[in-house]
Protein backbone atom coordinates (compact mmCIF):
# COMPACT_ATOMS: atom_id res chain seq x y z
CA MET A 1 11.40 15.60 19.35
CA SER A 2 8.17 17.56 20.57
CA GLY A 3 5.52 18.95 19.11
CA GLU A 4 3.39 20.85 21.71
CA ARG A 5 0.38 23.04 20.99
CA VAL A 6 0.72 26.55 22.24
CA SER A 7 -2.12 27.70 24.78
CA LEU A 8 -3.77 30.65 25.10
CA ASP A 9 -2.20 31.32 28.64
CA THR A 10 1.25 31.11 27.78
CA ASN A 11 3.36 31.85 24.49
CA GLY A 12 5.85 29.77 22.17
CA VAL A 13 9.12 31.10 24.01
CA ASP A 14 7.92 29.32 27.24
CA VAL A 15 6.22 25.68 25.39
CA ALA A 16 9.60 26.16 23.80
CA SER A 17 11.82 25.94 27.17
CA LYS A 18 10.04 23.37 28.54
CA GLN A 19 10.83 21.49 25.58
CA ILE A 20 14.18 21.70 25.80
CA GLN A 21 14.48 21.63 29.31
CA ALA A 22 12.59 18.08 28.38
CA ALA A 23 14.86 16.85 25.92
CA MET A 24 18.10 18.27 27.94
CA SER A 25 17.00 16.05 31.22
CA ASP A 26 16.09 12.79 29.43
CA SER A 27 18.21 10.62 30.04
CA SER A 28 17.71 8.32 27.91
CA LEU A 29 18.41 10.18 24.50
CA PRO A 30 21.98 9.66 22.62
CA TRP A 31 22.80 13.12 23.84
CA TYR A 32 22.29 13.31 27.67
CA LYS A 33 25.29 15.34 29.00
CA LYS A 34 26.80 15.64 26.12
CA PRO A 35 27.73 18.70 23.80
CA SER A 36 24.88 19.79 22.46
CA VAL A 37 23.62 23.14 19.62
CA LEU A 38 20.45 24.67 19.44
CA VAL A 39 19.22 26.70 16.64
CA ALA A 40 16.61 29.70 17.07
CA ASP A 41 15.43 31.89 15.04
CA THR A 42 14.89 35.99 16.12
CA ALA A 43 12.04 35.30 18.25
CA PHE A 44 14.04 33.34 20.66
CA SER A 45 16.84 35.60 20.80
CA LYS A 46 15.21 37.49 23.72
CA ARG A 47 16.64 37.40 27.04
CA SER A 48 14.59 35.40 28.86
CA PHE A 49 15.01 32.61 26.84
CA LEU A 50 18.56 32.70 26.63
CA PHE A 51 19.22 33.40 30.40
CA GLU A 52 17.19 30.13 30.41
CA GLN A 53 18.94 28.11 28.21
CA SER A 54 22.37 29.31 29.61
CA GLN A 55 21.41 27.27 32.39
CA HIS A 56 22.17 23.72 30.87
CA ASN A 57 26.39 23.69 30.94
CA ASN A 58 26.29 21.49 27.91
CA LEU A 59 24.37 23.62 25.95
CA VAL A 60 25.27 26.12 23.34
CA VAL A 61 22.51 27.94 21.74
CA VAL A 62 23.15 29.85 18.28
CA ALA A 63 20.38 32.59 17.80
CA ARG A 64 19.79 34.79 15.44
CA CYS A 65 19.05 38.70 16.32
CA ARG A 66 17.52 41.68 14.74
CA SER A 67 19.91 44.08 13.21
CA ASN A 68 18.63 47.36 15.14
CA ARG A 69 19.47 45.45 18.55
CA VAL A 70 22.02 47.01 21.27
CA PHE A 71 24.27 44.95 23.06
CA TYR A 72 27.78 46.13 25.27
CA GLN A 73 31.09 45.06 25.56
CA SER A 74 32.60 43.30 28.36
CA PRO A 75 33.72 45.86 30.72
CA PRO A 76 37.50 46.97 31.10
CA VAL A 77 39.75 44.54 33.24
CA GLU A 78 40.62 47.68 35.44
CA GLU A 79 37.26 47.96 35.88
CA LEU A 80 36.37 45.06 37.25
CA ASN A 81 39.59 44.75 39.83
CA LYS A 82 39.19 48.27 40.82
CA LYS A 83 38.87 48.59 45.30
CA ARG A 84 36.60 50.34 45.65
CA GLY A 85 32.82 50.80 44.55
CA CYS A 86 30.52 48.13 42.57
CA PRO A 87 32.58 47.07 39.73
CA LYS A 88 30.96 48.39 36.19
CA LYS A 89 28.96 45.52 34.40
CA TYR A 90 28.92 46.55 31.14
CA GLY A 91 31.43 48.91 28.73
CA GLU A 92 30.66 50.50 25.60
CA ARG A 93 27.91 50.63 23.86
CA PHE A 94 27.17 48.48 20.41
CA ASP A 95 24.40 48.85 17.81
CA LEU A 96 24.16 46.61 15.58
CA GLY A 97 22.37 49.54 13.10
CA ASN A 98 25.43 51.88 13.94
CA SER A 99 28.69 50.75 12.68
CA ASP A 100 30.39 53.85 14.30
CA THR A 101 29.34 52.16 18.29
CA TRP A 102 31.52 48.80 16.72
CA HIS A 103 34.74 47.79 17.78
CA SER A 104 37.50 46.03 15.64
CA PRO A 105 36.34 42.34 15.44
CA HIS A 106 38.93 39.91 16.98
CA GLU A 107 38.12 37.90 14.70
CA THR A 108 37.48 37.46 10.46
CA THR A 109 36.63 35.07 8.75
CA LEU A 110 36.36 33.95 4.97
CA VAL A 111 34.75 31.01 3.77
CA GLN A 112 33.77 30.47 -0.22
CA GLN A 113 30.37 28.12 -1.35
CA THR A 114 29.21 26.79 -4.38
CA THR A 115 25.63 26.59 -4.74
CA ARG A 116 23.85 23.64 -6.62
CA LYS A 117 24.43 25.69 -9.76
CA GLY A 118 27.52 26.77 -9.78
CA ARG A 119 27.37 30.08 -8.41
CA VAL A 120 30.24 31.37 -6.21
CA LEU A 121 29.85 32.93 -2.79
CA ASN A 122 31.36 34.58 -0.46
CA VAL A 123 30.74 34.46 3.20
CA THR A 124 32.74 37.09 5.14
CA ILE A 125 32.35 36.08 9.18
CA LYS A 126 33.22 39.02 11.98
CA THR A 127 33.38 37.71 15.38
CA TRP A 128 33.02 39.65 18.86
CA HIS A 129 33.94 37.97 21.71
CA GLN A 130 32.77 38.21 25.30
CA MET A 131 29.68 40.42 24.08
CA LEU A 132 26.96 41.12 27.14
CA MET A 133 23.41 42.29 26.80
CA ARG A 134 21.63 44.13 29.51
CA GLY A 135 19.21 42.31 32.02
CA ASN A 136 17.39 42.35 35.69
CA LYS A 137 17.59 41.92 39.18
CA TYR A 138 16.29 38.58 38.43
CA GLN A 139 18.04 37.39 34.94
CA LYS A 140 21.79 38.76 35.26
CA MET A 141 22.92 38.82 31.57
CA TYR A 142 26.26 39.79 32.68
CA ASN A 143 27.17 36.52 34.22
CA HIS A 144 26.46 35.26 30.85
CA PRO A 145 28.66 36.54 27.74
CA PHE A 146 28.35 35.46 24.21
CA THR A 147 29.92 35.42 21.06
CA LEU A 148 28.46 38.14 18.25
CA ILE A 149 28.83 36.94 14.66
CA ARG A 150 27.78 39.30 11.84
CA ILE A 151 27.44 37.05 8.53
CA ASN A 152 27.93 38.86 4.98
CA VAL A 153 27.62 37.23 1.75
CA THR A 154 28.50 38.94 -1.74
CA ASP A 155 28.50 37.52 -5.18
CA ASP A 156 31.99 36.87 -7.48
CA THR A 157 31.67 41.05 -8.28
CA ASN A 158 31.46 41.87 -4.78
CA LYS A 159 28.03 42.54 -4.64
CA PRO A 160 25.83 41.43 -1.79
CA ILE A 161 22.93 39.10 -2.39
CA TRP A 162 21.43 38.91 0.95
CA LYS A 163 20.76 41.66 3.96
CA PRO A 164 23.75 40.78 6.69
CA MET A 165 22.91 38.14 9.54
CA TRP A 166 24.01 38.55 13.14
CA LEU A 167 23.81 35.47 15.24
CA ILE A 168 24.40 35.43 18.83
CA VAL A 169 26.16 32.18 20.47
CA ILE A 170 25.89 31.39 24.15
CA GLY A 171 26.42 29.15 26.49
CA ASP A 172 29.78 27.74 28.45
CA LYS A 173 31.13 25.76 26.06
CA ARG A 174 30.59 28.06 23.04
CA GLY A 175 34.21 28.66 22.25
CA GLU A 176 33.92 25.00 21.45
CA ILE A 177 32.75 26.13 17.97
CA SER A 178 34.08 27.83 15.82
CA PRO A 179 31.92 30.93 13.78
CA GLU A 180 32.55 28.87 10.43
CA VAL A 181 30.39 25.91 12.64
CA ALA A 182 28.01 27.94 14.33
CA TYR A 183 27.32 29.69 10.70
CA SER A 184 26.71 26.26 9.26
CA CYS A 185 24.66 25.14 12.16
CA TYR A 186 22.18 27.99 12.25
CA ARG A 187 21.67 27.40 7.88
CA GLN A 188 20.45 23.64 9.34
CA ARG A 189 17.70 25.67 11.09
CA PHE A 190 16.03 26.35 7.43
CA ASP A 191 15.20 22.65 7.50
CA ILE A 192 12.41 22.58 10.07
CA GLU A 193 10.62 24.94 7.70
CA HIS A 194 10.71 22.15 4.65
CA MET A 195 9.39 19.97 6.97
CA LEU A 196 6.49 21.91 8.09
CA ARG A 197 5.88 22.05 4.26
CA PHE A 198 6.30 18.87 3.36
CA GLY A 199 3.83 18.02 6.59
CA LYS A 200 1.39 20.17 5.30
CA GLN A 201 1.25 19.50 1.39
CA ARG A 202 1.93 15.94 1.84
CA LEU A 203 0.56 14.11 5.06
CA LEU A 204 -2.02 16.15 5.67
CA MET A 205 -0.83 18.37 9.04
CA THR A 206 -3.56 21.06 9.24
CA GLN A 207 -6.64 18.85 6.86
CA PHE A 208 -7.54 17.30 9.62
CA GLN A 209 -10.68 19.08 11.47
CA THR A 210 -12.09 18.04 15.36
CA PRO A 211 -14.28 21.01 17.41
CA ASP A 212 -11.45 18.25 19.95
CA VAL A 213 -8.33 19.96 21.23
CA GLU A 214 -6.88 16.63 22.61
CA HIS A 215 -7.84 14.98 18.62
CA GLU A 216 -6.22 17.66 17.29
CA GLU A 217 -3.00 17.05 19.81
CA ASN A 218 -3.05 13.72 18.57
CA TRP A 219 -3.23 14.16 14.91
CA ILE A 220 0.36 16.19 14.97
CA GLN A 221 1.66 13.73 16.93
CA PHE A 222 1.05 11.38 14.25
CA VAL A 223 2.17 13.30 11.31
CA LEU A 224 5.03 13.76 13.56
CA LEU A 225 5.32 9.70 13.46
CA ALA A 226 4.64 10.03 9.61
CA TYR A 227 7.53 12.31 9.28
CA VAL A 228 10.46 10.08 11.72
CA GLN A 229 8.94 6.93 9.75
CA LEU A 230 9.84 8.71 6.34
CA TRP A 231 13.23 9.70 8.03
CA ALA A 232 14.20 6.30 9.16
CA ALA A 233 13.40 4.52 5.75
CA LYS A 234 15.63 7.40 3.89
CA ASP A 235 18.69 4.88 3.39
CA LEU A 236 15.72 2.03 2.25
CA ALA A 237 14.42 3.92 -0.37
CA THR A 238 14.85 3.82 -4.12
CA HIS A 239 14.37 6.60 -6.11
CA LEU A 240 12.62 6.44 -8.95
CA PRO A 241 11.53 9.38 -11.45
CA LYS A 242 8.50 9.59 -12.92
CA PRO A 243 8.02 9.75 -16.63
CA TRP A 244 8.18 13.39 -17.04
CA GLU A 245 11.24 13.52 -14.21
CA ARG A 246 13.79 11.52 -16.50
CA TYR A 247 15.81 15.00 -15.91
CA LEU A 248 16.03 13.44 -12.33
CA GLN A 249 19.45 10.39 -12.15
CA GLN A 250 17.97 7.38 -10.85
CA ASN A 251 18.88 6.06 -8.32
CA ASN A 252 21.38 9.18 -7.56
CA ASP A 253 23.31 9.30 -4.67
CA LYS A 254 22.27 13.05 -3.73
CA ILE A 255 20.34 13.13 -0.57
CA VAL A 256 16.90 11.77 -1.13
CA THR A 257 14.19 13.53 -0.59
CA PRO A 258 10.92 12.58 1.46
CA SER A 259 8.66 12.98 -1.06
CA VAL A 260 11.09 10.41 -3.14
CA VAL A 261 10.81 7.82 0.33
CA GLN A 262 7.32 8.58 0.07
CA ARG A 263 6.90 7.54 -3.42
CA ASP A 264 9.00 4.71 -2.45
CA PHE A 265 7.19 4.07 0.85
CA PRO A 266 3.67 1.99 -0.10
CA PRO A 267 5.08 -1.11 -1.89
CA ASN A 268 8.17 -1.90 -0.11
CA TYR A 269 6.91 -2.00 3.16
CA PHE A 270 3.20 -2.20 3.23
CA GLY A 271 2.60 -4.03 -0.43
CA ASP A 272 -0.94 -2.54 -0.60
CA TRP A 273 -1.65 0.80 -0.87
CA ASP A 274 -5.52 0.37 0.99
CA THR A 275 -3.21 -0.25 4.22
CA CYS A 276 -0.53 2.33 3.79
CA PRO A 277 -0.84 4.98 6.10
CA PHE A 278 0.77 7.97 3.94
CA SER A 279 -1.21 7.07 0.42
C-alpha cells in the first residue's frame, strides 16, 4: 500500500501515522469507512501512536507490547459516580512483569494448533477488558480503554514454546474482535517480514545504489509494484518444481509462494526473458 522513506528529521512512528491517515481517508479504497484492523509490533505500542489511531472510529489496532510495561485497571464505578471532587482516572496498577498485580482475567480461551510438521501446540489466551495506560494533558488515554491479551503457547507436555506475548487491542470497535481473531490477526503481521526478505533477495530492493534520494525512493516504489504484480498473478501461476525439488508436489493446492510465481511469471506473461522485469 505504501512505502515511505523515514527522513532524518522524523521517525518511523510519525511516518506510519501519516500513511495510515492517508489510507483510512481515501474513499477509493474498498475498506473506506468499514471496520479495519491494523497490526503493529512493539515500536508502535507507544502512547502517541495509539492515541492518534484512536481518532479513527472504524479502526482497531492490535499491537504487541513489551513485557515490562505498566498499565492500570479502570477505576471502580463508585469512584466515577462520586459527587464531590475530580473523578478518579485510573484504578489499580497492572504490572506485566509482576503477576502479583494482575487481577483475574475476564476471559480465558484455549486453542489448539497443528504445525505443518504435525506438532500440536496449545495456546492459552487470557483477556482483560477496560484497561488503561497513562497519558498526559494532550493525550488523555483514560478516554481510550483497551483490551489486554496474554498469549502463552505450550507443547503437548505443557512445556512453554515461546516467551508469553502481550497484545493491546484498542479502538471503538475492539469488542467486535474476539481474542482468537486478534491473535490470528497479529500472526499475519509477520508476512511483511517475508515480503522484505523476498524483496531484498529476489527483487534487488537494496541493490540499487545512487547518490540521488529521489531515485532511491522511486526504486523502492518499483520494487513494491513488482511485488504487487506477483501477488496479482498468484492464482494463474503453475507450480513446476525443478528436477532437484521432486519432493515438492506438482500443482498442489497449497498457497503459492512469491518465488514460485516469479519462476512462472516470465514465460507466461512476457514470453521472453530479456523483456521480463523480474529476471
